[in-house]
Each structure stands twice: as C-alpha cells, then as structure tokens.
Amino acid sequence: MVGRVIPNRPFRPAPQNARDKLLEAGVRLIRKQGFAATSVGELCEEAGVTKGAFFHHFDSKEALGVELARYWSTSTSGFFDDAPYRQIDDPLERILGYLDLRIALVGGPTESFSCVAGTMIQEGFRSSEPIRAACADSILGNADLFVGDFAEAVSKYGIDADPRSLSIHMQVVIQGAFILAKTQETDERAAAMARESLMHLKRYLTLLFEKDASR
C-alpha cells in the first residue's frame, strides 16, 4: 500500500550550494527545536558553512526564515506533484489519495513529519510580519493547489460547499494534527495522534460528499 502511495523520489532535492545547505539546516533545526531557539551559529554548524557564508546569502535570521518558508514550498512541490494520487480520475478519490500520502508520511521522530512553515508561524505570527506573510503564502498556497480538485468534486457529486473553504479546512486539520502531535510524550504516540486525525478528516470528506450526493 505504502509503495503505491509514496513517490519513488526524495522528499526534497539534495542541496547544491552553501545557500541550499543553510536552508536544509534550517529545515532540520527548526522542525526539531523551533525558530527562536535556533541561532545563526547553530545553523552554520549544522550546514557546515561559515558565518561569512550565512551573511553572504541572508541579511539576518529573519531573512532566512522568510526564504525557508518559500524553499519549503518549492522544494517539496515536485514530490507531491509526482505522487500517484495525481493520476486518479475521480476528484474525491484524488483528494483522499493525497490524505493517504500524508498519513503514510507520518512516522518516526515528530520533527520528521512536522511542517516548517507551520512551526515558524506559531512563533512569528506577531513578532515578524515578513515571516508571517511567507508562512501564510506557503500554507495557504498548498491549500490553493486543491481548490480545483474540490471544485471538480463539488460539481461531480452535486454538493453545496465552497471549494476553497474545503481546501483550507483540509490544511487546518493537517496543521492542527501536527501541532497536537507535539503534546505527546513519545514519538509513537505523536504519530498515532496525527494519523488518527487525518483518518477522521478522510471520513468527514467521504461522508460529506456521499451524504449530499444522496439527496
């Protein structure tokens, strides 16, 4: 089942230069310990580059945070675009296939399946307008990718629902699942909580479309 759900490719491309290495270091450290707790020195050490290299590419840690939100979206888009669910004809099944992929990716250390933009927005939504805006673009941009799928499903199944609202709701549940997973004492419990939340979302969407389609 997992082999048919997950694309046979890396989640993100390998870093090619110092800038990419710093962004990858940001992904790892911020997922693990948060944006505020991550220093420029730690980023450089994790990336294996000098502080001079850091400030050559980024004016500040905030500037890295902004670019990191963009990098997270663009570097992972190919992974999701190549996923098997994109080949499914039925729009509802395509959406549910996306959730199957999300569920399949949940496992291991909690930081390995959390969202970089979702982590940063929790800390920076009041303290940094540039980071808030970049994270909003990342998360809501992901939601926008499914507006067309929901529009097709709404039309096919004849339900009374707003496609963009449904797409945003899907991301709300995904982000909420990742946040609440962090409340658990062990990685196993964290992953189980996140998976269960996404399974409930699948059930909700299935019932929503089936119930309305039967009217």
N, C-alpha and C. Protein backbone atom coordinates (compact mmCIF):
# COMPACT_ATOMS: atom_id res chain seq x y z
N MET A 1 0.83 -1.20 0.00
CA MET A 1 0.00 0.00 0.00
C MET A 1 0.87 1.25 0.00
N VAL A 2 1.86 1.31 0.91
CA VAL A 2 2.72 2.48 1.00
C VAL A 2 3.47 2.71 -0.29
N GLY A 3 3.95 1.62 -0.92
CA GLY A 3 4.69 1.75 -2.16
C GLY A 3 3.86 2.35 -3.29
N ARG A 4 2.53 2.17 -3.23
CA ARG A 4 1.66 2.73 -4.27
C ARG A 4 1.26 4.16 -3.94
N VAL A 5 1.54 4.62 -2.74
CA VAL A 5 1.11 5.94 -2.29
C VAL A 5 2.25 6.95 -2.36
N ILE A 6 3.45 6.54 -1.93
CA ILE A 6 4.59 7.45 -1.83
C ILE A 6 5.39 7.44 -3.13
N PRO A 7 5.69 8.61 -3.69
CA PRO A 7 6.51 8.67 -4.91
C PRO A 7 7.90 8.09 -4.67
N ASN A 8 8.47 7.50 -5.69
CA ASN A 8 9.81 6.93 -5.59
C ASN A 8 10.84 8.02 -5.91
N ARG A 9 10.95 8.99 -5.01
CA ARG A 9 11.87 10.10 -5.18
C ARG A 9 12.09 10.77 -3.83
N PRO A 10 13.18 11.53 -3.66
CA PRO A 10 13.41 12.22 -2.39
C PRO A 10 12.32 13.25 -2.11
N PHE A 11 12.07 13.47 -0.83
CA PHE A 11 11.08 14.48 -0.44
C PHE A 11 11.53 15.86 -0.87
N ARG A 12 12.85 16.12 -0.75
CA ARG A 12 13.43 17.39 -1.21
C ARG A 12 14.71 17.07 -1.97
N PRO A 13 15.08 17.89 -2.95
CA PRO A 13 16.33 17.65 -3.69
C PRO A 13 17.54 17.86 -2.81
N ALA A 14 18.66 17.23 -3.15
CA ALA A 14 19.90 17.40 -2.39
C ALA A 14 20.41 18.82 -2.53
N PRO A 15 20.94 19.41 -1.45
CA PRO A 15 21.47 20.78 -1.53
C PRO A 15 22.65 20.86 -2.48
N GLN A 16 22.70 21.93 -3.27
CA GLN A 16 23.74 22.08 -4.28
C GLN A 16 24.82 23.09 -3.90
N ASN A 17 24.53 23.98 -2.97
CA ASN A 17 25.48 25.04 -2.62
C ASN A 17 25.29 25.45 -1.17
N ALA A 18 26.06 26.45 -0.72
CA ALA A 18 26.02 26.87 0.68
C ALA A 18 24.63 27.37 1.07
N ARG A 19 23.98 28.08 0.17
CA ARG A 19 22.64 28.60 0.46
C ARG A 19 21.67 27.45 0.70
N ASP A 20 21.70 26.47 -0.18
CA ASP A 20 20.82 25.31 -0.01
C ASP A 20 21.14 24.55 1.28
N LYS A 21 22.42 24.44 1.60
CA LYS A 21 22.81 23.74 2.83
C LYS A 21 22.28 24.46 4.06
N LEU A 22 22.31 25.78 4.05
CA LEU A 22 21.78 26.56 5.17
C LEU A 22 20.26 26.39 5.28
N LEU A 23 19.59 26.37 4.15
CA LEU A 23 18.15 26.18 4.18
C LEU A 23 17.79 24.77 4.66
N GLU A 24 18.54 23.77 4.23
CA GLU A 24 18.30 22.41 4.72
C GLU A 24 18.59 22.31 6.21
N ALA A 25 19.63 23.00 6.67
CA ALA A 25 19.92 23.04 8.11
C ALA A 25 18.76 23.68 8.85
N GLY A 26 18.19 24.73 8.26
CA GLY A 26 17.03 25.38 8.86
C GLY A 26 15.85 24.44 8.96
N VAL A 27 15.61 23.66 7.92
CA VAL A 27 14.53 22.68 7.95
C VAL A 27 14.70 21.73 9.13
N ARG A 28 15.90 21.18 9.27
CA ARG A 28 16.14 20.19 10.33
C ARG A 28 16.04 20.81 11.73
N LEU A 29 16.71 21.94 11.93
CA LEU A 29 16.76 22.52 13.27
C LEU A 29 15.44 23.13 13.70
N ILE A 30 14.78 23.83 12.80
CA ILE A 30 13.53 24.48 13.17
C ILE A 30 12.43 23.46 13.41
N ARG A 31 12.41 22.39 12.65
CA ARG A 31 11.46 21.32 12.93
C ARG A 31 11.72 20.71 14.31
N LYS A 32 12.98 20.62 14.67
CA LYS A 32 13.36 19.95 15.92
C LYS A 32 13.20 20.84 17.14
N GLN A 33 13.63 22.12 17.04
CA GLN A 33 13.67 22.95 18.25
C GLN A 33 13.02 24.32 18.11
N GLY A 34 12.47 24.62 16.94
CA GLY A 34 11.79 25.89 16.75
C GLY A 34 12.69 26.98 16.20
N PHE A 35 12.08 28.05 15.72
CA PHE A 35 12.83 29.14 15.09
C PHE A 35 13.57 29.97 16.12
N ALA A 36 12.89 30.36 17.19
CA ALA A 36 13.51 31.24 18.19
C ALA A 36 14.71 30.58 18.85
N ALA A 37 14.66 29.28 19.06
CA ALA A 37 15.73 28.58 19.76
C ALA A 37 16.91 28.25 18.86
N THR A 38 16.79 28.53 17.58
CA THR A 38 17.85 28.21 16.63
C THR A 38 18.68 29.45 16.33
N SER A 39 19.97 29.38 16.61
CA SER A 39 20.85 30.53 16.40
C SER A 39 21.53 30.45 15.03
N VAL A 40 22.07 31.58 14.59
CA VAL A 40 22.83 31.61 13.35
C VAL A 40 24.03 30.67 13.44
N GLY A 41 24.68 30.66 14.61
CA GLY A 41 25.81 29.77 14.80
C GLY A 41 25.44 28.31 14.64
N GLU A 42 24.30 27.91 15.20
CA GLU A 42 23.84 26.53 15.07
C GLU A 42 23.51 26.19 13.62
N LEU A 43 22.91 27.14 12.92
CA LEU A 43 22.60 26.91 11.51
C LEU A 43 23.87 26.68 10.70
N CYS A 44 24.89 27.51 10.97
CA CYS A 44 26.15 27.38 10.24
C CYS A 44 26.84 26.05 10.56
N GLU A 45 26.83 25.68 11.84
CA GLU A 45 27.46 24.42 12.24
C GLU A 45 26.74 23.24 11.60
N GLU A 46 25.42 23.26 11.62
CA GLU A 46 24.63 22.18 11.04
C GLU A 46 24.85 22.08 9.53
N ALA A 47 25.00 23.24 8.89
CA ALA A 47 25.18 23.27 7.44
C ALA A 47 26.62 23.02 7.02
N GLY A 48 27.55 23.18 7.97
CA GLY A 48 28.96 23.03 7.63
C GLY A 48 29.52 24.19 6.84
N VAL A 49 29.02 25.40 7.13
CA VAL A 49 29.49 26.60 6.44
C VAL A 49 29.88 27.65 7.48
N THR A 50 30.54 28.71 7.03
CA THR A 50 30.97 29.78 7.92
C THR A 50 29.86 30.82 8.10
N LYS A 51 30.01 31.66 9.14
CA LYS A 51 29.06 32.75 9.31
C LYS A 51 29.16 33.74 8.15
N GLY A 52 30.36 33.86 7.60
CA GLY A 52 30.51 34.72 6.43
C GLY A 52 29.64 34.25 5.28
N ALA A 53 29.57 32.93 5.10
CA ALA A 53 28.72 32.37 4.05
C ALA A 53 27.25 32.64 4.35
N PHE A 54 26.89 32.54 5.63
CA PHE A 54 25.50 32.82 6.00
C PHE A 54 25.11 34.24 5.60
N PHE A 55 25.92 35.21 6.04
CA PHE A 55 25.57 36.61 5.79
C PHE A 55 25.80 37.03 4.34
N HIS A 56 26.48 36.20 3.59
CA HIS A 56 26.57 36.44 2.15
C HIS A 56 25.22 36.17 1.48
N HIS A 57 24.50 35.18 2.01
CA HIS A 57 23.23 34.79 1.40
C HIS A 57 22.01 35.39 2.10
N PHE A 58 22.13 35.69 3.39
CA PHE A 58 20.98 36.19 4.15
C PHE A 58 21.39 37.38 5.01
N ASP A 59 20.58 38.43 5.01
CA ASP A 59 20.89 39.61 5.81
C ASP A 59 20.72 39.36 7.30
N SER A 60 19.86 38.41 7.66
CA SER A 60 19.55 38.15 9.07
C SER A 60 18.91 36.78 9.20
N LYS A 61 18.70 36.36 10.44
CA LYS A 61 17.99 35.10 10.65
C LYS A 61 16.55 35.22 10.18
N GLU A 62 15.96 36.39 10.35
CA GLU A 62 14.60 36.60 9.86
C GLU A 62 14.53 36.42 8.35
N ALA A 63 15.53 36.96 7.65
CA ALA A 63 15.57 36.81 6.19
C ALA A 63 15.66 35.34 5.80
N LEU A 64 16.44 34.56 6.55
CA LEU A 64 16.50 33.13 6.29
C LEU A 64 15.14 32.49 6.53
N GLY A 65 14.44 32.91 7.59
CA GLY A 65 13.13 32.36 7.87
C GLY A 65 12.15 32.58 6.73
N VAL A 66 12.19 33.78 6.17
CA VAL A 66 11.31 34.09 5.03
C VAL A 66 11.63 33.19 3.85
N GLU A 67 12.91 33.08 3.53
CA GLU A 67 13.32 32.24 2.40
C GLU A 67 13.06 30.77 2.68
N LEU A 68 13.14 30.39 3.96
CA LEU A 68 12.91 28.99 4.32
C LEU A 68 11.47 28.58 4.05
N ALA A 69 10.53 29.47 4.35
CA ALA A 69 9.12 29.16 4.06
C ALA A 69 8.91 28.96 2.57
N ARG A 70 9.56 29.80 1.77
CA ARG A 70 9.45 29.67 0.31
C ARG A 70 10.14 28.40 -0.19
N TYR A 71 11.31 28.14 0.36
CA TYR A 71 12.08 26.94 -0.02
C TYR A 71 11.30 25.68 0.31
N TRP A 72 10.68 25.66 1.47
CA TRP A 72 9.91 24.50 1.89
C TRP A 72 8.81 24.19 0.88
N SER A 73 8.13 25.23 0.41
CA SER A 73 7.05 25.01 -0.55
C SER A 73 7.57 24.56 -1.91
N THR A 74 8.56 25.28 -2.42
CA THR A 74 9.02 24.98 -3.78
C THR A 74 9.79 23.66 -3.85
N SER A 75 10.55 23.34 -2.81
CA SER A 75 11.39 22.13 -2.87
C SER A 75 10.60 20.85 -2.64
N THR A 76 9.42 20.97 -2.03
CA THR A 76 8.59 19.78 -1.81
C THR A 76 7.50 19.62 -2.86
N SER A 77 7.28 20.66 -3.67
CA SER A 77 6.16 20.62 -4.61
C SER A 77 6.31 19.49 -5.63
N GLY A 78 7.55 19.24 -6.07
CA GLY A 78 7.76 18.16 -7.03
C GLY A 78 7.39 16.80 -6.48
N PHE A 79 7.67 16.61 -5.19
CA PHE A 79 7.34 15.34 -4.54
C PHE A 79 5.84 15.08 -4.60
N PHE A 80 5.07 16.10 -4.23
CA PHE A 80 3.61 15.93 -4.22
C PHE A 80 3.04 15.91 -5.64
N ASP A 81 3.64 16.68 -6.55
CA ASP A 81 3.16 16.68 -7.93
C ASP A 81 3.35 15.32 -8.60
N ASP A 82 4.41 14.59 -8.21
CA ASP A 82 4.70 13.29 -8.81
C ASP A 82 4.02 12.13 -8.11
N ALA A 83 3.26 12.41 -7.07
CA ALA A 83 2.64 11.34 -6.29
C ALA A 83 1.56 10.62 -7.09
N PRO A 84 1.38 9.32 -6.84
CA PRO A 84 0.39 8.53 -7.59
C PRO A 84 -1.03 9.08 -7.52
N TYR A 85 -1.41 9.75 -6.43
CA TYR A 85 -2.79 10.23 -6.32
C TYR A 85 -3.15 11.20 -7.44
N ARG A 86 -2.17 11.88 -8.01
CA ARG A 86 -2.42 12.85 -9.08
C ARG A 86 -2.92 12.19 -10.36
N GLN A 87 -2.76 10.88 -10.46
CA GLN A 87 -3.20 10.15 -11.65
C GLN A 87 -4.62 9.61 -11.51
N ILE A 88 -5.24 9.81 -10.36
CA ILE A 88 -6.60 9.30 -10.12
C ILE A 88 -7.62 10.19 -10.83
N ASP A 89 -8.54 9.60 -11.56
CA ASP A 89 -9.52 10.37 -12.33
C ASP A 89 -10.58 11.02 -11.46
N ASP A 90 -11.13 10.26 -10.52
CA ASP A 90 -12.20 10.80 -9.68
C ASP A 90 -11.65 11.86 -8.74
N PRO A 91 -12.21 13.07 -8.72
CA PRO A 91 -11.64 14.14 -7.90
C PRO A 91 -11.67 13.88 -6.40
N LEU A 92 -12.75 13.26 -5.91
CA LEU A 92 -12.81 12.96 -4.48
C LEU A 92 -11.76 11.92 -4.11
N GLU A 93 -11.65 10.87 -4.93
CA GLU A 93 -10.65 9.85 -4.66
C GLU A 93 -9.24 10.42 -4.76
N ARG A 94 -9.05 11.42 -5.61
CA ARG A 94 -7.75 12.09 -5.73
C ARG A 94 -7.41 12.81 -4.43
N ILE A 95 -8.38 13.50 -3.87
CA ILE A 95 -8.17 14.20 -2.60
C ILE A 95 -7.90 13.20 -1.48
N LEU A 96 -8.67 12.13 -1.44
CA LEU A 96 -8.45 11.11 -0.41
C LEU A 96 -7.10 10.44 -0.61
N GLY A 97 -6.65 10.32 -1.85
CA GLY A 97 -5.32 9.78 -2.12
C GLY A 97 -4.23 10.68 -1.57
N TYR A 98 -4.44 11.98 -1.66
CA TYR A 98 -3.49 12.92 -1.06
C TYR A 98 -3.41 12.71 0.44
N LEU A 99 -4.55 12.52 1.08
CA LEU A 99 -4.56 12.28 2.52
C LEU A 99 -3.91 10.94 2.85
N ASP A 100 -4.09 9.95 2.01
CA ASP A 100 -3.39 8.67 2.21
C ASP A 100 -1.87 8.89 2.20
N LEU A 101 -1.41 9.73 1.29
CA LEU A 101 0.02 10.04 1.23
C LEU A 101 0.47 10.74 2.50
N ARG A 102 -0.31 11.71 2.95
CA ARG A 102 0.02 12.41 4.19
C ARG A 102 0.10 11.44 5.36
N ILE A 103 -0.84 10.53 5.43
CA ILE A 103 -0.86 9.54 6.51
C ILE A 103 0.37 8.64 6.42
N ALA A 104 0.72 8.23 5.21
CA ALA A 104 1.87 7.35 5.02
C ALA A 104 3.18 8.02 5.42
N LEU A 105 3.24 9.34 5.32
CA LEU A 105 4.46 10.08 5.66
C LEU A 105 4.63 10.32 7.16
N VAL A 106 3.57 10.06 7.93
CA VAL A 106 3.63 10.28 9.38
C VAL A 106 4.30 9.08 10.05
N GLY A 107 5.40 9.33 10.73
CA GLY A 107 6.12 8.27 11.43
C GLY A 107 7.51 8.73 11.79
N GLY A 108 8.14 8.00 12.70
CA GLY A 108 9.48 8.38 13.14
C GLY A 108 9.43 9.54 14.11
N PRO A 109 10.55 10.24 14.28
CA PRO A 109 10.57 11.40 15.18
C PRO A 109 9.52 12.43 14.76
N THR A 110 8.88 13.06 15.72
CA THR A 110 7.81 14.01 15.41
C THR A 110 8.26 15.10 14.46
N GLU A 111 9.52 15.55 14.63
CA GLU A 111 10.01 16.63 13.76
C GLU A 111 10.16 16.18 12.31
N SER A 112 10.18 14.88 12.07
CA SER A 112 10.38 14.40 10.70
C SER A 112 9.13 14.55 9.84
N PHE A 113 7.96 14.71 10.46
CA PHE A 113 6.74 14.87 9.66
C PHE A 113 6.05 16.20 9.90
N SER A 114 6.61 17.05 10.75
CA SER A 114 6.00 18.35 11.00
C SER A 114 6.28 19.31 9.85
N CYS A 115 5.54 20.40 9.81
CA CYS A 115 5.65 21.38 8.74
C CYS A 115 6.52 22.54 9.18
N VAL A 116 7.50 22.90 8.36
CA VAL A 116 8.40 24.01 8.69
C VAL A 116 7.62 25.32 8.79
N ALA A 117 6.79 25.60 7.79
CA ALA A 117 6.01 26.84 7.81
C ALA A 117 5.04 26.86 8.99
N GLY A 118 4.43 25.72 9.27
CA GLY A 118 3.51 25.64 10.41
C GLY A 118 4.21 25.85 11.73
N THR A 119 5.45 25.37 11.84
CA THR A 119 6.23 25.58 13.06
C THR A 119 6.60 27.04 13.23
N MET A 120 7.06 27.67 12.15
CA MET A 120 7.50 29.06 12.24
C MET A 120 6.35 30.03 12.49
N ILE A 121 5.18 29.76 11.91
CA ILE A 121 4.06 30.69 12.07
C ILE A 121 3.59 30.73 13.52
N GLN A 122 3.73 29.63 14.24
CA GLN A 122 3.32 29.62 15.64
C GLN A 122 4.15 30.61 16.47
N GLU A 123 5.42 30.75 16.12
CA GLU A 123 6.30 31.63 16.86
C GLU A 123 6.31 33.05 16.32
N GLY A 124 6.18 33.21 15.01
CA GLY A 124 6.43 34.51 14.41
C GLY A 124 5.23 35.29 13.93
N PHE A 125 4.01 34.82 14.21
CA PHE A 125 2.85 35.48 13.62
C PHE A 125 2.63 36.89 14.16
N ARG A 126 3.16 37.19 15.35
CA ARG A 126 3.08 38.54 15.90
C ARG A 126 4.42 39.27 15.88
N SER A 127 5.49 38.53 15.98
CA SER A 127 6.81 39.16 16.12
C SER A 127 7.48 39.49 14.80
N SER A 128 7.07 38.85 13.70
CA SER A 128 7.72 39.09 12.42
C SER A 128 6.69 39.06 11.30
N GLU A 129 6.35 40.21 10.78
CA GLU A 129 5.39 40.28 9.68
C GLU A 129 5.91 39.60 8.42
N PRO A 130 7.20 39.75 8.07
CA PRO A 130 7.71 39.05 6.89
C PRO A 130 7.59 37.53 7.00
N ILE A 131 7.89 36.98 8.19
CA ILE A 131 7.78 35.53 8.37
C ILE A 131 6.31 35.11 8.34
N ARG A 132 5.44 35.90 8.99
CA ARG A 132 4.01 35.57 8.96
C ARG A 132 3.51 35.50 7.52
N ALA A 133 3.86 36.51 6.73
CA ALA A 133 3.39 36.56 5.35
C ALA A 133 3.94 35.40 4.52
N ALA A 134 5.22 35.08 4.71
CA ALA A 134 5.84 33.99 3.95
C ALA A 134 5.22 32.65 4.32
N CYS A 135 4.96 32.44 5.61
CA CYS A 135 4.35 31.18 6.05
C CYS A 135 2.90 31.08 5.58
N ALA A 136 2.20 32.22 5.59
CA ALA A 136 0.82 32.22 5.07
C ALA A 136 0.81 31.84 3.60
N ASP A 137 1.73 32.40 2.83
CA ASP A 137 1.82 32.06 1.41
C ASP A 137 2.10 30.57 1.23
N SER A 138 2.95 30.02 2.09
CA SER A 138 3.31 28.61 1.99
C SER A 138 2.12 27.70 2.30
N ILE A 139 1.48 27.94 3.43
CA ILE A 139 0.40 27.06 3.87
C ILE A 139 -0.85 27.24 3.02
N LEU A 140 -1.25 28.51 2.80
CA LEU A 140 -2.44 28.76 2.00
C LEU A 140 -2.19 28.45 0.53
N GLY A 141 -0.94 28.59 0.10
CA GLY A 141 -0.60 28.19 -1.26
C GLY A 141 -0.80 26.71 -1.46
N ASN A 142 -0.48 25.92 -0.43
CA ASN A 142 -0.71 24.48 -0.51
C ASN A 142 -2.20 24.20 -0.59
N ALA A 143 -2.99 24.95 0.18
CA ALA A 143 -4.44 24.78 0.12
C ALA A 143 -4.96 25.11 -1.27
N ASP A 144 -4.43 26.16 -1.87
CA ASP A 144 -4.90 26.57 -3.20
C ASP A 144 -4.67 25.49 -4.26
N LEU A 145 -3.68 24.64 -4.05
CA LEU A 145 -3.40 23.57 -5.01
C LEU A 145 -4.56 22.60 -5.15
N PHE A 146 -5.45 22.57 -4.14
CA PHE A 146 -6.54 21.59 -4.16
C PHE A 146 -7.90 22.22 -4.41
N VAL A 147 -7.93 23.54 -4.64
CA VAL A 147 -9.21 24.18 -4.92
C VAL A 147 -9.83 23.60 -6.19
N GLY A 148 -9.02 23.39 -7.20
CA GLY A 148 -9.53 22.80 -8.44
C GLY A 148 -10.08 21.40 -8.25
N ASP A 149 -9.39 20.60 -7.43
CA ASP A 149 -9.85 19.24 -7.15
C ASP A 149 -11.19 19.26 -6.42
N PHE A 150 -11.29 20.15 -5.42
CA PHE A 150 -12.56 20.25 -4.70
C PHE A 150 -13.67 20.79 -5.59
N ALA A 151 -13.34 21.72 -6.48
CA ALA A 151 -14.35 22.25 -7.41
C ALA A 151 -14.89 21.14 -8.30
N GLU A 152 -13.99 20.28 -8.79
CA GLU A 152 -14.43 19.14 -9.60
C GLU A 152 -15.32 18.21 -8.79
N ALA A 153 -14.92 17.95 -7.54
CA ALA A 153 -15.70 17.03 -6.70
C ALA A 153 -17.06 17.62 -6.37
N VAL A 154 -17.11 18.91 -6.06
CA VAL A 154 -18.38 19.57 -5.75
C VAL A 154 -19.32 19.48 -6.95
N SER A 155 -18.77 19.72 -8.13
CA SER A 155 -19.59 19.66 -9.34
C SER A 155 -20.06 18.23 -9.63
N LYS A 156 -19.15 17.27 -9.52
CA LYS A 156 -19.50 15.89 -9.84
C LYS A 156 -20.52 15.31 -8.88
N TYR A 157 -20.35 15.59 -7.58
CA TYR A 157 -21.22 14.98 -6.58
C TYR A 157 -22.40 15.87 -6.21
N GLY A 158 -22.44 17.08 -6.75
CA GLY A 158 -23.59 17.95 -6.56
C GLY A 158 -23.82 18.40 -5.14
N ILE A 159 -22.74 18.71 -4.41
CA ILE A 159 -22.92 19.14 -3.03
C ILE A 159 -22.85 20.66 -2.95
N ASP A 160 -23.41 21.20 -1.87
CA ASP A 160 -23.42 22.65 -1.65
C ASP A 160 -22.26 23.00 -0.72
N ALA A 161 -21.11 23.33 -1.29
CA ALA A 161 -19.93 23.64 -0.49
C ALA A 161 -18.99 24.52 -1.31
N ASP A 162 -18.22 25.34 -0.62
CA ASP A 162 -17.25 26.22 -1.27
C ASP A 162 -15.92 25.49 -1.41
N PRO A 163 -15.41 25.31 -2.62
CA PRO A 163 -14.18 24.54 -2.83
C PRO A 163 -12.97 25.09 -2.08
N ARG A 164 -12.80 26.41 -2.06
CA ARG A 164 -11.63 26.95 -1.37
C ARG A 164 -11.76 26.77 0.14
N SER A 165 -12.97 26.92 0.67
CA SER A 165 -13.17 26.72 2.10
C SER A 165 -12.84 25.29 2.49
N LEU A 166 -13.25 24.32 1.67
CA LEU A 166 -12.93 22.92 1.94
C LEU A 166 -11.43 22.68 1.87
N SER A 167 -10.78 23.30 0.90
CA SER A 167 -9.34 23.12 0.75
C SER A 167 -8.59 23.70 1.94
N ILE A 168 -9.03 24.87 2.41
CA ILE A 168 -8.40 25.46 3.59
C ILE A 168 -8.66 24.60 4.82
N HIS A 169 -9.89 24.09 4.94
CA HIS A 169 -10.21 23.23 6.09
C HIS A 169 -9.30 22.01 6.12
N MET A 170 -9.02 21.44 4.97
CA MET A 170 -8.13 20.28 4.92
C MET A 170 -6.76 20.64 5.48
N GLN A 171 -6.24 21.81 5.12
CA GLN A 171 -4.94 22.23 5.65
C GLN A 171 -5.01 22.56 7.14
N VAL A 172 -6.14 23.10 7.59
CA VAL A 172 -6.33 23.38 9.02
C VAL A 172 -6.20 22.09 9.83
N VAL A 173 -6.83 21.03 9.36
CA VAL A 173 -6.76 19.75 10.08
C VAL A 173 -5.35 19.18 10.04
N ILE A 174 -4.70 19.25 8.88
CA ILE A 174 -3.33 18.74 8.77
C ILE A 174 -2.40 19.48 9.71
N GLN A 175 -2.45 20.81 9.68
CA GLN A 175 -1.57 21.60 10.55
C GLN A 175 -1.91 21.37 12.02
N GLY A 176 -3.20 21.30 12.33
CA GLY A 176 -3.60 21.04 13.71
C GLY A 176 -3.15 19.69 14.21
N ALA A 177 -3.19 18.69 13.33
CA ALA A 177 -2.73 17.35 13.70
C ALA A 177 -1.25 17.37 14.04
N PHE A 178 -0.46 18.11 13.26
CA PHE A 178 0.98 18.18 13.52
C PHE A 178 1.27 18.92 14.82
N ILE A 179 0.50 19.97 15.10
CA ILE A 179 0.71 20.73 16.34
C ILE A 179 0.37 19.88 17.56
N LEU A 180 -0.81 19.25 17.55
CA LEU A 180 -1.23 18.47 18.72
C LEU A 180 -0.38 17.23 18.90
N ALA A 181 0.19 16.72 17.83
CA ALA A 181 1.08 15.56 17.96
C ALA A 181 2.25 15.87 18.89
N LYS A 182 2.66 17.14 18.91
CA LYS A 182 3.80 17.54 19.73
C LYS A 182 3.48 17.53 21.23
N THR A 183 2.21 17.36 21.59
CA THR A 183 1.85 17.29 23.00
C THR A 183 2.14 15.91 23.60
N GLN A 184 2.41 14.94 22.75
CA GLN A 184 2.56 13.56 23.24
C GLN A 184 3.96 13.29 23.77
N GLU A 185 4.03 12.35 24.72
CA GLU A 185 5.30 12.07 25.41
C GLU A 185 6.27 11.28 24.55
N THR A 186 5.77 10.51 23.60
CA THR A 186 6.65 9.69 22.76
C THR A 186 6.35 9.94 21.29
N ASP A 187 7.33 9.65 20.45
CA ASP A 187 7.13 9.80 19.01
C ASP A 187 6.05 8.86 18.50
N GLU A 188 5.95 7.68 19.09
CA GLU A 188 4.95 6.72 18.65
C GLU A 188 3.54 7.25 18.89
N ARG A 189 3.32 7.84 20.07
CA ARG A 189 2.00 8.40 20.37
C ARG A 189 1.72 9.62 19.51
N ALA A 190 2.76 10.41 19.26
CA ALA A 190 2.60 11.59 18.41
C ALA A 190 2.15 11.20 17.01
N ALA A 191 2.83 10.22 16.44
CA ALA A 191 2.48 9.77 15.09
C ALA A 191 1.07 9.18 15.05
N ALA A 192 0.72 8.42 16.08
CA ALA A 192 -0.61 7.81 16.13
C ALA A 192 -1.69 8.88 16.18
N MET A 193 -1.47 9.93 16.99
CA MET A 193 -2.45 11.00 17.09
C MET A 193 -2.62 11.72 15.75
N ALA A 194 -1.50 12.01 15.09
CA ALA A 194 -1.58 12.70 13.80
C ALA A 194 -2.29 11.84 12.76
N ARG A 195 -1.94 10.57 12.71
CA ARG A 195 -2.58 9.68 11.73
C ARG A 195 -4.09 9.57 11.97
N GLU A 196 -4.48 9.44 13.24
CA GLU A 196 -5.90 9.32 13.56
C GLU A 196 -6.66 10.57 13.14
N SER A 197 -6.05 11.74 13.35
CA SER A 197 -6.71 12.99 12.96
C SER A 197 -6.93 13.05 11.46
N LEU A 198 -5.93 12.61 10.70
CA LEU A 198 -6.07 12.63 9.25
C LEU A 198 -7.06 11.58 8.76
N MET A 199 -7.15 10.46 9.48
CA MET A 199 -8.16 9.46 9.14
C MET A 199 -9.57 10.01 9.38
N HIS A 200 -9.74 10.76 10.47
CA HIS A 200 -11.05 11.39 10.73
C HIS A 200 -11.39 12.37 9.62
N LEU A 201 -10.40 13.10 9.12
CA LEU A 201 -10.64 14.03 8.02
C LEU A 201 -11.09 13.28 6.78
N LYS A 202 -10.47 12.14 6.50
CA LYS A 202 -10.89 11.32 5.36
C LYS A 202 -12.35 10.88 5.51
N ARG A 203 -12.70 10.46 6.71
CA ARG A 203 -14.08 10.01 6.95
C ARG A 203 -15.05 11.18 6.78
N TYR A 204 -14.67 12.34 7.28
CA TYR A 204 -15.54 13.51 7.17
C TYR A 204 -15.82 13.85 5.70
N LEU A 205 -14.76 13.91 4.90
CA LEU A 205 -14.94 14.25 3.49
C LEU A 205 -15.76 13.19 2.76
N THR A 206 -15.50 11.93 3.07
CA THR A 206 -16.27 10.85 2.43
C THR A 206 -17.75 10.97 2.76
N LEU A 207 -18.05 11.18 4.04
CA LEU A 207 -19.45 11.30 4.46
C LEU A 207 -20.09 12.57 3.91
N LEU A 208 -19.34 13.66 3.86
CA LEU A 208 -19.87 14.92 3.34
C LEU A 208 -20.33 14.76 1.89
N PHE A 209 -19.48 14.18 1.08
CA PHE A 209 -19.83 14.04 -0.34
C PHE A 209 -20.88 12.96 -0.56
N GLU A 210 -20.80 11.86 0.17
CA GLU A 210 -21.78 10.79 -0.01
C GLU A 210 -23.16 11.22 0.48
N LYS A 211 -23.20 11.93 1.62
CA LYS A 211 -24.49 12.35 2.18
C LYS A 211 -25.18 13.33 1.25
N ASP A 212 -24.42 14.33 0.77
CA ASP A 212 -25.02 15.34 -0.10
C ASP A 212 -25.38 14.75 -1.47
N ALA A 213 -24.58 13.81 -1.93
CA ALA A 213 -24.83 13.22 -3.24
C ALA A 213 -26.10 12.37 -3.24
N SER A 214 -26.53 11.91 -2.05
CA SER A 214 -27.71 11.05 -1.97
C SER A 214 -29.00 11.85 -1.84
N ARG A 215 -28.92 13.17 -1.73
CA ARG A 215 -30.13 13.97 -1.56
C ARG A 215 -30.97 13.99 -2.84
